[in-house]
Amino acid sequence: MLRHSYAIHQLRKGVSLHLIRSIMGHVNLKTTERYQRVSEISNQSLLNPLDPL
């Protein structure tokens, strides 16, 4: 769980997918791309609590 959270937070900060792949120790970039999809989905489904203001 911590590894997944770390990767998603790094993506949101703008760290490149290739660098995250290297940090996570993935051989295949497709393995790391899963985090990008999860990050996009969670960004769409989360509401900003300040929007109604």
PDB file of N, CA and C in Angstrom:
ATOM      1  N   MET A   1       0.828  -1.190   0.000  1.00  0.00           N
ATOM      2  CA  MET A   1       0.000   0.000   0.000  1.00  0.00           C
ATOM      3  C   MET A   1       0.877   1.260   0.000  1.00  0.00           C
ATOM      4  N   LEU A   2       1.936   1.249   0.777  1.00  0.00           N
ATOM      5  CA  LEU A   2       2.818   2.415   0.820  1.00  0.00           C
ATOM      6  C   LEU A   2       3.509   2.650  -0.519  1.00  0.00           C
ATOM      7  N   ARG A   3       3.888   1.572  -1.182  1.00  0.00           N
ATOM      8  CA  ARG A   3       4.533   1.717  -2.492  1.00  0.00           C
ATOM      9  C   ARG A   3       3.577   2.358  -3.491  1.00  0.00           C
ATOM     10  N   HIS A   4       2.334   1.910  -3.493  1.00  0.00           N
ATOM     11  CA  HIS A   4       1.345   2.459  -4.421  1.00  0.00           C
ATOM     12  C   HIS A   4       1.096   3.929  -4.118  1.00  0.00           C
ATOM     13  N   SER A   5       0.934   4.250  -2.854  1.00  0.00           N
ATOM     14  CA  SER A   5       0.699   5.639  -2.454  1.00  0.00           C
ATOM     15  C   SER A   5       1.872   6.525  -2.851  1.00  0.00           C
ATOM     16  N   TYR A   6       3.067   6.034  -2.622  1.00  0.00           N
ATOM     17  CA  TYR A   6       4.271   6.792  -2.974  1.00  0.00           C
ATOM     18  C   TYR A   6       4.301   7.085  -4.472  1.00  0.00           C
ATOM     19  N   ALA A   7       4.054   6.067  -5.280  1.00  0.00           N
ATOM     20  CA  ALA A   7       4.096   6.239  -6.737  1.00  0.00           C
ATOM     21  C   ALA A   7       3.041   7.231  -7.210  1.00  0.00           C
ATOM     22  N   ILE A   8       1.842   7.141  -6.676  1.00  0.00           N
ATOM     23  CA  ILE A   8       0.769   8.046  -7.086  1.00  0.00           C
ATOM     24  C   ILE A   8       1.073   9.476  -6.666  1.00  0.00           C
ATOM     25  N   HIS A   9       1.599   9.659  -5.469  1.00  0.00           N
ATOM     26  CA  HIS A   9       1.955  11.009  -5.016  1.00  0.00           C
ATOM     27  C   HIS A   9       3.066  11.597  -5.883  1.00  0.00           C
ATOM     28  N   GLN A  10       4.018  10.786  -6.273  1.00  0.00           N
ATOM     29  CA  GLN A  10       5.097  11.274  -7.136  1.00  0.00           C
ATOM     30  C   GLN A  10       4.551  11.695  -8.498  1.00  0.00           C
ATOM     31  N   LEU A  11       3.615  10.920  -9.039  1.00  0.00           N
ATOM     32  CA  LEU A  11       2.990  11.288 -10.315  1.00  0.00           C
ATOM     33  C   LEU A  11       2.265  12.621 -10.199  1.00  0.00           C
ATOM     34  N   ARG A  12       1.534  12.803  -9.115  1.00  0.00           N
ATOM     35  CA  ARG A  12       0.794  14.052  -8.927  1.00  0.00           C
ATOM     36  C   ARG A  12       1.721  15.240  -8.780  1.00  0.00           C
ATOM     37  N   LYS A  13       2.933  15.003  -8.279  1.00  0.00           N
ATOM     38  CA  LYS A  13       3.927  16.072  -8.147  1.00  0.00           C
ATOM     39  C   LYS A  13       4.581  16.406  -9.480  1.00  0.00           C
ATOM     40  N   GLY A  14       4.390  15.530 -10.481  1.00  0.00           N
ATOM     41  CA  GLY A  14       4.961  15.790 -11.796  1.00  0.00           C
ATOM     42  C   GLY A  14       6.222  15.010 -12.097  1.00  0.00           C
ATOM     43  N   VAL A  15       6.559  14.049 -11.256  1.00  0.00           N
ATOM     44  CA  VAL A  15       7.737  13.211 -11.508  1.00  0.00           C
ATOM     45  C   VAL A  15       7.452  12.336 -12.721  1.00  0.00           C
ATOM     46  N   SER A  16       8.430  12.188 -13.595  1.00  0.00           N
ATOM     47  CA  SER A  16       8.215  11.426 -14.825  1.00  0.00           C
ATOM     48  C   SER A  16       7.957   9.952 -14.533  1.00  0.00           C
ATOM     49  N   LEU A  17       7.192   9.355 -15.405  1.00  0.00           N
ATOM     50  CA  LEU A  17       6.837   7.947 -15.283  1.00  0.00           C
ATOM     51  C   LEU A  17       8.091   7.069 -15.366  1.00  0.00           C
ATOM     52  N   HIS A  18       9.048   7.478 -16.180  1.00  0.00           N
ATOM     53  CA  HIS A  18      10.288   6.705 -16.324  1.00  0.00           C
ATOM     54  C   HIS A  18      11.106   6.716 -15.033  1.00  0.00           C
ATOM     55  N   LEU A  19      11.136   7.844 -14.371  1.00  0.00           N
ATOM     56  CA  LEU A  19      11.862   7.926 -13.101  1.00  0.00           C
ATOM     57  C   LEU A  19      11.165   7.085 -12.031  1.00  0.00           C
ATOM     58  N   ILE A  20       9.853   7.141 -11.990  1.00  0.00           N
ATOM     59  CA  ILE A  20       9.104   6.329 -11.021  1.00  0.00           C
ATOM     60  C   ILE A  20       9.335   4.851 -11.301  1.00  0.00           C
ATOM     61  N   ARG A  21       9.361   4.481 -12.584  1.00  0.00           N
ATOM     62  CA  ARG A  21       9.637   3.083 -12.950  1.00  0.00           C
ATOM     63  C   ARG A  21      10.978   2.644 -12.385  1.00  0.00           C
ATOM     64  N   SER A  22      11.958   3.488 -12.510  1.00  0.00           N
ATOM     65  CA  SER A  22      13.292   3.173 -12.007  1.00  0.00           C
ATOM     66  C   SER A  22      13.299   3.057 -10.481  1.00  0.00           C
ATOM     67  N   ILE A  23      12.649   3.991  -9.813  1.00  0.00           N
ATOM     68  CA  ILE A  23      12.601   3.983  -8.350  1.00  0.00           C
ATOM     69  C   ILE A  23      11.884   2.741  -7.836  1.00  0.00           C
ATOM     70  N   MET A  24      10.780   2.379  -8.499  1.00  0.00           N
ATOM     71  CA  MET A  24       9.975   1.241  -8.061  1.00  0.00           C
ATOM     72  C   MET A  24      10.610  -0.099  -8.433  1.00  0.00           C
ATOM     73  N   GLY A  25      11.576  -0.072  -9.340  1.00  0.00           N
ATOM     74  CA  GLY A  25      12.247  -1.304  -9.736  1.00  0.00           C
ATOM     75  C   GLY A  25      11.488  -2.116 -10.771  1.00  0.00           C
ATOM     76  N   HIS A  26      10.574  -1.465 -11.480  1.00  0.00           N
ATOM     77  CA  HIS A  26       9.820  -2.164 -12.515  1.00  0.00           C
ATOM     78  C   HIS A  26      10.672  -2.315 -13.772  1.00  0.00           C
ATOM     79  N   VAL A  27      10.593  -3.470 -14.383  1.00  0.00           N
ATOM     80  CA  VAL A  27      11.316  -3.715 -15.627  1.00  0.00           C
ATOM     81  C   VAL A  27      10.522  -3.151 -16.801  1.00  0.00           C
ATOM     82  N   ASN A  28       9.216  -3.347 -16.762  1.00  0.00           N
ATOM     83  CA  ASN A  28       8.341  -2.946 -17.853  1.00  0.00           C
ATOM     84  C   ASN A  28       7.619  -1.653 -17.489  1.00  0.00           C
ATOM     85  N   LEU A  29       7.593  -0.707 -18.407  1.00  0.00           N
ATOM     86  CA  LEU A  29       6.924   0.573 -18.164  1.00  0.00           C
ATOM     87  C   LEU A  29       5.414   0.399 -18.005  1.00  0.00           C
ATOM     88  N   LYS A  30       4.852  -0.611 -18.637  1.00  0.00           N
ATOM     89  CA  LYS A  30       3.400  -0.851 -18.522  1.00  0.00           C
ATOM     90  C   LYS A  30       3.000  -1.130 -17.079  1.00  0.00           C
ATOM     91  N   THR A  31       3.873  -1.735 -16.320  1.00  0.00           N
ATOM     92  CA  THR A  31       3.593  -1.985 -14.904  1.00  0.00           C
ATOM     93  C   THR A  31       3.444  -0.664 -14.163  1.00  0.00           C
ATOM     94  N   THR A  32       4.284   0.283 -14.476  1.00  0.00           N
ATOM     95  CA  THR A  32       4.257   1.584 -13.811  1.00  0.00           C
ATOM     96  C   THR A  32       3.079   2.427 -14.303  1.00  0.00           C
ATOM     97  N   GLU A  33       2.644   2.234 -15.531  1.00  0.00           N
ATOM     98  CA  GLU A  33       1.536   3.009 -16.086  1.00  0.00           C
ATOM     99  C   GLU A  33       0.237   2.781 -15.319  1.00  0.00           C
ATOM    100  N   ARG A  34       0.144   1.689 -14.593  1.00  0.00           N
ATOM    101  CA  ARG A  34      -1.053   1.444 -13.764  1.00  0.00           C
ATOM    102  C   ARG A  34      -1.265   2.589 -12.782  1.00  0.00           C
ATOM    103  N   TYR A  35      -0.186   3.098 -12.230  1.00  0.00           N
ATOM    104  CA  TYR A  35      -0.285   4.189 -11.256  1.00  0.00           C
ATOM    105  C   TYR A  35      -0.832   5.448 -11.910  1.00  0.00           C
ATOM    106  N   GLN A  36      -0.475   5.666 -13.157  1.00  0.00           N
ATOM    107  CA  GLN A  36      -0.960   6.843 -13.860  1.00  0.00           C
ATOM    108  C   GLN A  36      -2.468   6.755 -14.061  1.00  0.00           C
ATOM    109  N   ARG A  37      -2.968   5.592 -14.417  1.00  0.00           N
ATOM    110  CA  ARG A  37      -4.414   5.418 -14.595  1.00  0.00           C
ATOM    111  C   ARG A  37      -5.154   5.597 -13.276  1.00  0.00           C
ATOM    112  N   VAL A  38      -4.615   5.046 -12.215  1.00  0.00           N
ATOM    113  CA  VAL A  38      -5.247   5.187 -10.896  1.00  0.00           C
ATOM    114  C   VAL A  38      -5.257   6.653 -10.485  1.00  0.00           C
ATOM    115  N   SER A  39      -4.179   7.344 -10.740  1.00  0.00           N
ATOM    116  CA  SER A  39      -4.083   8.756 -10.387  1.00  0.00           C
ATOM    117  C   SER A  39      -5.112   9.582 -11.151  1.00  0.00           C
ATOM    118  N   GLU A  40      -5.302   9.293 -12.434  1.00  0.00           N
ATOM    119  CA  GLU A  40      -6.274  10.028 -13.242  1.00  0.00           C
ATOM    120  C   GLU A  40      -7.692   9.767 -12.758  1.00  0.00           C
ATOM    121  N   ILE A  41      -8.007   8.521 -12.439  1.00  0.00           N
ATOM    122  CA  ILE A  41      -9.344   8.168 -11.969  1.00  0.00           C
ATOM    123  C   ILE A  41      -9.634   8.839 -10.635  1.00  0.00           C
ATOM    124  N   SER A  42      -8.674   8.786  -9.718  1.00  0.00           N
ATOM    125  CA  SER A  42      -8.916   9.368  -8.401  1.00  0.00           C
ATOM    126  C   SER A  42      -9.026  10.885  -8.480  1.00  0.00           C
ATOM    127  N   ASN A  43      -8.308  11.521  -9.405  1.00  0.00           N
ATOM    128  CA  ASN A  43      -8.421  12.972  -9.561  1.00  0.00           C
ATOM    129  C   ASN A  43      -9.799  13.364 -10.080  1.00  0.00           C
ATOM    130  N   GLN A  44     -10.386  12.550 -10.947  1.00  0.00           N
ATOM    131  CA  GLN A  44     -11.699  12.852 -11.502  1.00  0.00           C
ATOM    132  C   GLN A  44     -12.802  12.655 -10.471  1.00  0.00           C
ATOM    133  N   SER A  45     -12.638  11.681  -9.606  1.00  0.00           N
ATOM    134  CA  SER A  45     -13.714  11.342  -8.680  1.00  0.00           C
ATOM    135  C   SER A  45     -13.671  12.141  -7.375  1.00  0.00           C
ATOM    136  N   LEU A  46     -12.565  12.803  -7.092  1.00  0.00           N
ATOM    137  CA  LEU A  46     -12.459  13.580  -5.863  1.00  0.00           C
ATOM    138  C   LEU A  46     -12.984  14.991  -6.067  1.00  0.00           C
ATOM    139  N   LEU A  47     -13.763  15.434  -5.127  1.00  0.00           N
ATOM    140  CA  LEU A  47     -14.284  16.792  -5.181  1.00  0.00           C
ATOM    141  C   LEU A  47     -13.477  17.686  -4.250  1.00  0.00           C
ATOM    142  N   ASN A  48     -13.243  18.877  -4.702  1.00  0.00           N
ATOM    143  CA  ASN A  48     -12.551  19.852  -3.887  1.00  0.00           C
ATOM    144  C   ASN A  48     -13.551  20.451  -2.909  1.00  0.00           C
ATOM    145  N   PRO A  49     -13.307  20.387  -1.602  1.00  0.00           N
ATOM    146  CA  PRO A  49     -14.263  20.932  -0.646  1.00  0.00           C
ATOM    147  C   PRO A  49     -14.427  22.444  -0.735  1.00  0.00           C
ATOM    148  N   LEU A  50     -13.516  23.117  -1.419  1.00  0.00           N
ATOM    149  CA  LEU A  50     -13.606  24.567  -1.547  1.00  0.00           C
ATOM    150  C   LEU A  50     -14.415  25.001  -2.764  1.00  0.00           C
ATOM    151  N   ASP A  51     -14.761  24.062  -3.657  1.00  0.00           N
ATOM    152  CA  ASP A  51     -15.525  24.416  -4.861  1.00  0.00           C
ATOM    153  C   ASP A  51     -16.866  25.085  -4.558  1.00  0.00           C
ATOM    154  N   PRO A  52     -17.642  24.588  -3.598  1.00  0.00           N
ATOM    155  CA  PRO A  52     -18.941  25.219  -3.330  1.00  0.00           C
ATOM    156  C   PRO A  52     -18.839  26.654  -2.809  1.00  0.00           C
ATOM    157  N   LEU A  53     -17.675  27.040  -2.305  1.00  0.00           N
ATOM    158  CA  LEU A  53     -17.525  28.395  -1.758  1.00  0.00           C
ATOM    159  C   LEU A  53     -17.467  29.337  -2.898  1.00  0.00           C
TER     160      LEU A  53
END
